[in-house]
């Protein structure tokens, strides 16, 4: 609701920054915005991948930066919305990713696990790693032999006019809202998830998304529906706590307490803050 109002006021277009809303058919559990709720505001990077497709933060970085330029070229304002902090940071900060050298990876496929280990151990590392995970051994060896990290975590913004807004509330109210949300959406959520189970779809997205992975044991008869619902609520509460901690440590965010009785007041507070920030940027 806040993002839609800001997009109307500032001639904006919205870029999804939720790693699970990237996927088609994951709508209810991710609380994906509906066509009606969009109110004709353009939304980008929403429902762009099938659930069996892999999509990395590196893919998102490329796609999001392209969208930023497309929106700015239209003299409009890009507005990122979502809680996947690493996606936002990869898009807006100087994160650098090094694509894997496919020829080198193919070269490693001819090596046995013992040969991989011998070459890794020749670097005399003082770190622990899984010696039985071949995929990780190949990545580790490639990283060592190139002497270049696969990713560089940057802390410098690429844009000088970014404004970070965060919504917060009392922890007890937050947990109550989480519980109420799951209770309301359980019936449509089960209808959304059941076809995945019946089609035996076990993609990475379904195995990691809160609100989906918890229901597979239920459909297998390993626990009750109430167990699955309670697990969803618990995992969401834990995730919300981790999100707050991550954002507070990683970005210069201005936090606003949500007024659930009159959300328009919250919107007005955010707008006043943005107008002051914009005035300072222009000056």
Protein backbone atom coordinates (compact mmCIF):
# COMPACT_ATOMS: atom_id res chain seq x y z
CA UNK A 1 0.00 0.00 0.00
CA UNK A 2 2.82 2.40 0.87
CA UNK A 3 4.72 1.64 -2.34
CA UNK A 4 1.64 2.23 -4.49
CA UNK A 5 0.98 5.62 -2.89
CA UNK A 6 4.64 6.64 -3.28
CA UNK A 7 4.64 5.55 -6.92
CA UNK A 8 1.59 7.74 -7.57
CA UNK A 9 3.14 10.75 -5.84
CA UNK A 10 6.62 10.51 -7.35
CA UNK A 11 5.84 9.10 -10.82
CA UNK A 12 7.39 5.79 -9.88
CA UNK A 13 7.55 2.21 -11.11
CA UNK A 14 8.06 -0.68 -8.73
CA UNK A 15 10.83 -3.28 -8.83
CA UNK A 16 10.15 -6.45 -6.87
CA UNK A 17 12.87 -7.25 -4.32
CA UNK A 18 11.39 -10.45 -2.87
CA UNK A 19 13.31 -13.57 -3.92
CA UNK A 20 10.19 -15.78 -3.87
CA UNK A 21 7.88 -13.37 -5.70
CA UNK A 22 10.22 -13.81 -8.67
CA UNK A 23 8.44 -17.14 -9.28
CA UNK A 24 5.15 -17.75 -11.05
CA UNK A 25 2.41 -19.63 -9.16
CA UNK A 26 3.85 -18.72 -5.74
CA UNK A 27 1.21 -16.11 -5.00
CA UNK A 28 -0.66 -16.76 -1.76
CA UNK A 29 2.23 -17.82 0.45
CA UNK A 30 4.42 -14.92 -0.71
CA UNK A 31 1.59 -12.36 -0.33
CA UNK A 32 2.22 -11.30 -3.92
CA UNK A 33 0.47 -8.10 -4.96
CA UNK A 34 -2.65 -8.62 -7.10
CA UNK A 35 -3.51 -6.85 -10.36
CA UNK A 36 -6.23 -4.91 -8.55
CA UNK A 37 -3.84 -3.81 -5.79
CA UNK A 38 -1.31 -2.57 -8.36
CA UNK A 39 -3.74 0.19 -9.42
CA UNK A 40 -2.10 0.33 -12.87
CA UNK A 41 1.35 1.07 -11.42
CA UNK A 42 3.96 -0.85 -13.50
CA UNK A 43 5.67 -3.67 -11.56
CA UNK A 44 8.91 -5.34 -12.65
CA UNK A 45 10.69 -8.65 -11.88
CA UNK A 46 7.47 -10.14 -10.56
CA UNK A 47 6.47 -13.68 -11.63
CA UNK A 48 9.25 -13.90 -14.22
CA UNK A 49 10.47 -17.47 -13.55
CA UNK A 50 8.89 -20.92 -13.44
CA UNK A 51 9.25 -22.62 -10.07
CA UNK A 52 11.66 -25.26 -11.42
CA UNK A 53 14.07 -22.62 -12.76
CA UNK A 54 17.12 -21.49 -10.84
CA UNK A 55 17.52 -17.76 -10.24
CA UNK A 56 20.51 -16.35 -8.37
CA UNK A 57 21.35 -13.04 -6.74
CA UNK A 58 23.74 -12.51 -9.65
CA UNK A 59 20.83 -12.88 -12.09
CA UNK A 60 18.82 -10.44 -10.02
CA UNK A 61 21.64 -7.90 -9.95
CA UNK A 62 21.81 -7.84 -13.76
CA UNK A 63 18.04 -7.68 -14.20
CA UNK A 64 17.46 -5.06 -11.48
CA UNK A 65 20.18 -2.70 -12.71
CA UNK A 66 18.78 -2.96 -16.23
CA UNK A 67 15.32 -2.05 -14.89
CA UNK A 68 16.73 0.92 -12.98
CA UNK A 69 18.16 2.37 -16.18
CA UNK A 70 15.00 1.65 -18.19
CA UNK A 71 12.81 3.40 -15.59
CA UNK A 72 15.15 6.36 -15.19
CA UNK A 73 15.32 6.78 -18.97
CA UNK A 74 11.55 7.28 -18.87
CA UNK A 75 12.12 10.08 -16.33
CA UNK A 76 10.44 7.99 -13.69
CA UNK A 77 11.51 6.84 -10.21
CA UNK A 78 12.51 3.21 -9.48
CA UNK A 79 11.03 1.98 -6.18
CA UNK A 80 12.36 -1.30 -4.79
CA UNK A 81 9.84 -3.16 -2.62
CA UNK A 82 10.55 -6.35 -0.71
CA UNK A 83 12.42 -7.95 2.09
CA UNK A 84 15.27 -9.85 0.43
CA UNK A 85 18.09 -7.65 1.65
CA UNK A 86 20.83 -9.29 -0.39
CA UNK A 87 18.89 -8.63 -3.61
CA UNK A 88 18.57 -4.94 -2.74
CA UNK A 89 22.21 -4.66 -1.76
CA UNK A 90 23.43 -6.45 -4.89
CA UNK A 91 21.37 -4.08 -7.06
CA UNK A 92 22.33 -0.80 -5.40
CA UNK A 93 25.83 -1.38 -4.00
CA UNK A 94 29.18 -2.24 -5.62
CA UNK A 95 28.78 -6.00 -5.43
CA UNK A 96 30.86 -7.75 -8.06
CA UNK A 97 30.23 -11.30 -9.22
CA UNK A 98 32.64 -13.40 -11.22
CA UNK A 99 30.98 -15.83 -13.58
CA UNK A 100 32.30 -19.36 -13.43
CA UNK A 101 34.78 -20.39 -16.09
CA UNK A 102 32.84 -23.18 -17.83
CA UNK A 103 35.93 -24.59 -19.53
CA UNK A 104 37.70 -24.87 -16.22
CA UNK A 105 34.67 -26.48 -14.57
CA UNK A 106 34.56 -29.00 -17.43
CA UNK A 107 38.23 -29.72 -16.82
CA UNK A 108 37.46 -30.52 -13.19
CA UNK A 109 34.78 -33.04 -14.20
CA UNK A 110 37.57 -35.36 -15.35
CA UNK A 111 39.11 -35.37 -11.87
CA UNK A 112 38.14 -37.85 -9.17
CA UNK A 113 37.16 -36.58 -5.73
CA UNK A 114 40.54 -37.73 -4.43
CA UNK A 115 42.33 -35.72 -7.12
CA UNK A 116 40.21 -32.66 -6.33
CA UNK A 117 41.11 -33.01 -2.65
CA UNK A 118 44.82 -33.38 -3.44
CA UNK A 119 44.85 -30.14 -5.42
CA UNK A 120 42.85 -28.30 -2.75
CA UNK A 121 45.08 -29.57 0.04
CA UNK A 122 48.17 -28.37 -1.83
CA UNK A 123 47.08 -24.83 -0.88
CA UNK A 124 47.45 -25.80 2.81
CA UNK A 125 44.21 -24.14 3.85
CA UNK A 126 43.33 -23.53 7.45
CA UNK A 127 39.58 -23.83 6.84
CA UNK A 128 36.96 -26.56 7.08
CA UNK A 129 35.00 -27.73 4.04
CA UNK A 130 32.77 -30.64 3.07
CA UNK A 131 35.06 -33.24 1.51
CA UNK A 132 32.10 -35.29 0.28
CA UNK A 133 30.33 -32.51 -1.61
CA UNK A 134 31.82 -32.68 -5.10
CA UNK A 135 30.07 -29.55 -6.38
CA UNK A 136 31.50 -27.45 -3.55
CA UNK A 137 34.94 -29.00 -3.98
CA UNK A 138 34.95 -27.95 -7.65
CA UNK A 139 33.88 -24.39 -6.75
CA UNK A 140 36.48 -24.15 -3.98
CA UNK A 141 39.28 -25.37 -6.26
CA UNK A 142 38.29 -22.97 -9.01
CA UNK A 143 38.28 -20.11 -6.54
CA UNK A 144 41.73 -21.07 -5.22
CA UNK A 145 43.34 -21.58 -8.61
CA UNK A 146 42.00 -18.29 -9.95
CA UNK A 147 42.98 -16.49 -6.76
CA UNK A 148 39.85 -14.38 -7.23
CA UNK A 149 36.77 -14.50 -4.99
CA UNK A 150 33.51 -15.55 -6.65
CA UNK A 151 31.84 -12.48 -5.15
CA UNK A 152 32.99 -9.22 -3.66
CA UNK A 153 30.71 -7.73 -1.05
CA UNK A 154 30.64 -4.01 -1.53
CA UNK A 155 29.57 -1.36 0.94
CA UNK A 156 29.46 1.63 -1.38
CA UNK A 157 26.24 2.81 -3.00
CA UNK A 158 26.34 3.15 -6.79
CA UNK A 159 23.65 5.86 -6.70
CA UNK A 160 23.81 9.08 -4.69
CA UNK A 161 20.07 9.69 -4.38
CA UNK A 162 18.82 6.47 -2.76
CA UNK A 163 16.38 6.80 0.15
CA UNK A 164 15.82 3.74 2.34
CA UNK A 165 12.45 3.39 4.09
CA UNK A 166 11.58 0.69 6.61
CA UNK A 167 8.29 -0.12 8.29
CA UNK A 168 8.32 -1.50 11.81
CA UNK A 169 6.03 -2.18 14.74
CA UNK A 170 6.02 -3.57 18.24
CA UNK A 171 7.29 -7.18 18.21
CA UNK A 172 4.12 -8.53 19.84
CA UNK A 173 1.92 -6.76 17.29
CA UNK A 174 4.12 -8.06 14.48
CA UNK A 175 3.81 -11.66 15.67
CA UNK A 176 0.06 -11.25 16.07
CA UNK A 177 -0.21 -9.96 12.49
CA UNK A 178 1.87 -12.90 11.23
CA UNK A 179 -0.39 -15.39 13.00
CA UNK A 180 -3.58 -13.71 11.77
CA UNK A 181 -2.26 -13.63 8.19
CA UNK A 182 -1.63 -17.39 8.14
CA UNK A 183 -5.01 -18.18 9.67
CA UNK A 184 -6.78 -16.14 6.97
CA UNK A 185 -4.88 -17.55 3.99
CA UNK A 186 -4.66 -21.23 4.89
CA UNK A 187 -7.47 -22.46 2.61
CA UNK A 188 -6.29 -20.75 -0.62
CA UNK A 189 -2.68 -21.56 0.29
CA UNK A 190 -3.42 -25.29 0.48
CA UNK A 191 -5.11 -25.09 -2.94
CA UNK A 192 -1.99 -23.39 -4.30
CA UNK A 193 0.46 -25.92 -2.84
CA UNK A 194 -1.39 -29.21 -3.41
CA UNK A 195 -0.84 -29.35 -7.22
CA UNK A 196 2.93 -29.02 -6.69
CA UNK A 197 2.85 -32.03 -4.39
CA UNK A 198 0.61 -34.05 -6.71
CA UNK A 199 2.92 -33.30 -9.64
CA UNK A 200 5.91 -34.30 -7.48
CA UNK A 201 7.56 -30.90 -7.96
CA UNK A 202 10.43 -30.41 -5.51
CA UNK A 203 12.21 -27.32 -6.77
CA UNK A 204 14.70 -25.21 -4.84
CA UNK A 205 12.07 -22.47 -4.53
CA UNK A 206 9.54 -24.81 -2.93
CA UNK A 207 12.12 -26.31 -0.60
CA UNK A 208 13.23 -22.91 0.74
CA UNK A 209 10.11 -20.72 0.68
CA UNK A 210 8.43 -20.25 4.06
CA UNK A 211 4.76 -21.10 3.76
CA UNK A 212 5.43 -23.87 1.24
CA UNK A 213 8.17 -26.18 2.50
CA UNK A 214 6.35 -26.77 5.80
CA UNK A 215 3.34 -28.38 4.10
CA UNK A 216 5.12 -31.23 2.33
CA UNK A 217 5.30 -33.34 5.55
CA UNK A 218 1.56 -32.72 5.97
CA UNK A 219 0.75 -33.96 2.48
CA UNK A 220 2.99 -36.99 3.12
CA UNK A 221 1.00 -37.78 6.26
CA UNK A 222 3.99 -37.17 8.52
CA UNK A 223 2.32 -34.45 10.61
CA UNK A 224 -1.00 -32.69 11.06
CA UNK A 225 -2.29 -29.59 9.33
CA UNK A 226 -2.07 -27.71 12.62
CA UNK A 227 1.58 -28.77 12.96
CA UNK A 228 2.32 -27.35 9.48
CA UNK A 229 0.52 -24.09 10.24
CA UNK A 230 2.37 -23.64 13.54
CA UNK A 231 5.68 -24.37 11.79
CA UNK A 232 4.90 -21.71 9.18
CA UNK A 233 4.11 -19.13 11.85
CA UNK A 234 7.24 -19.97 13.85
CA UNK A 235 9.52 -19.82 10.78
CA UNK A 236 7.97 -16.51 9.67
CA UNK A 237 8.50 -14.97 13.11
CA UNK A 238 12.14 -16.09 13.10
CA UNK A 239 12.61 -14.75 9.56
CA UNK A 240 11.10 -11.38 10.47
CA UNK A 241 13.51 -11.12 13.40
CA UNK A 242 16.48 -11.94 11.16
CA UNK A 243 15.29 -9.40 8.57
CA UNK A 244 15.21 -6.57 11.12
CA UNK A 245 18.68 -7.46 12.36
CA UNK A 246 20.11 -7.68 8.83
CA UNK A 247 18.64 -4.40 7.56
CA UNK A 248 19.61 -2.49 10.69
CA UNK A 249 23.22 -3.62 10.29
CA UNK A 250 23.53 -3.32 6.52
CA UNK A 251 21.71 -0.17 5.40
CA UNK A 252 21.02 3.37 6.54
CA UNK A 253 17.27 2.93 6.89
CA UNK A 254 14.76 5.40 8.28
CA UNK A 255 12.25 3.35 10.27
CA UNK A 256 8.59 4.28 10.65
CA UNK A 257 6.20 2.77 13.18
CA UNK A 258 3.11 1.55 11.37
CA UNK A 259 -0.17 3.10 12.44
CA UNK A 260 -2.57 0.20 11.84
CA UNK A 261 -5.59 2.29 12.88
CA UNK A 262 -4.84 5.01 10.32
CA UNK A 263 -2.19 3.94 7.82
CA UNK A 264 -2.59 7.20 5.90
CA UNK A 265 -0.80 8.92 8.79
CA UNK A 266 2.15 6.58 8.29
CA UNK A 267 2.15 7.36 4.58
CA UNK A 268 2.13 11.10 5.34
CA UNK A 269 5.12 10.71 7.70
CA UNK A 270 7.07 8.84 5.02
CA UNK A 271 6.20 11.43 2.35
CA UNK A 272 7.30 14.32 4.59
CA UNK A 273 10.60 12.57 5.23
CA UNK A 274 11.19 11.89 1.51
CA UNK A 275 10.40 15.50 0.59
CA UNK A 276 12.95 16.75 3.13
CA UNK A 277 15.56 14.30 1.87
CA UNK A 278 14.91 15.30 -1.74
CA UNK A 279 15.25 18.95 -0.82
CA UNK A 280 18.63 18.26 0.80
CA UNK A 281 19.79 16.24 -2.20
CA UNK A 282 18.88 19.08 -4.60
CA UNK A 283 20.63 21.64 -2.41
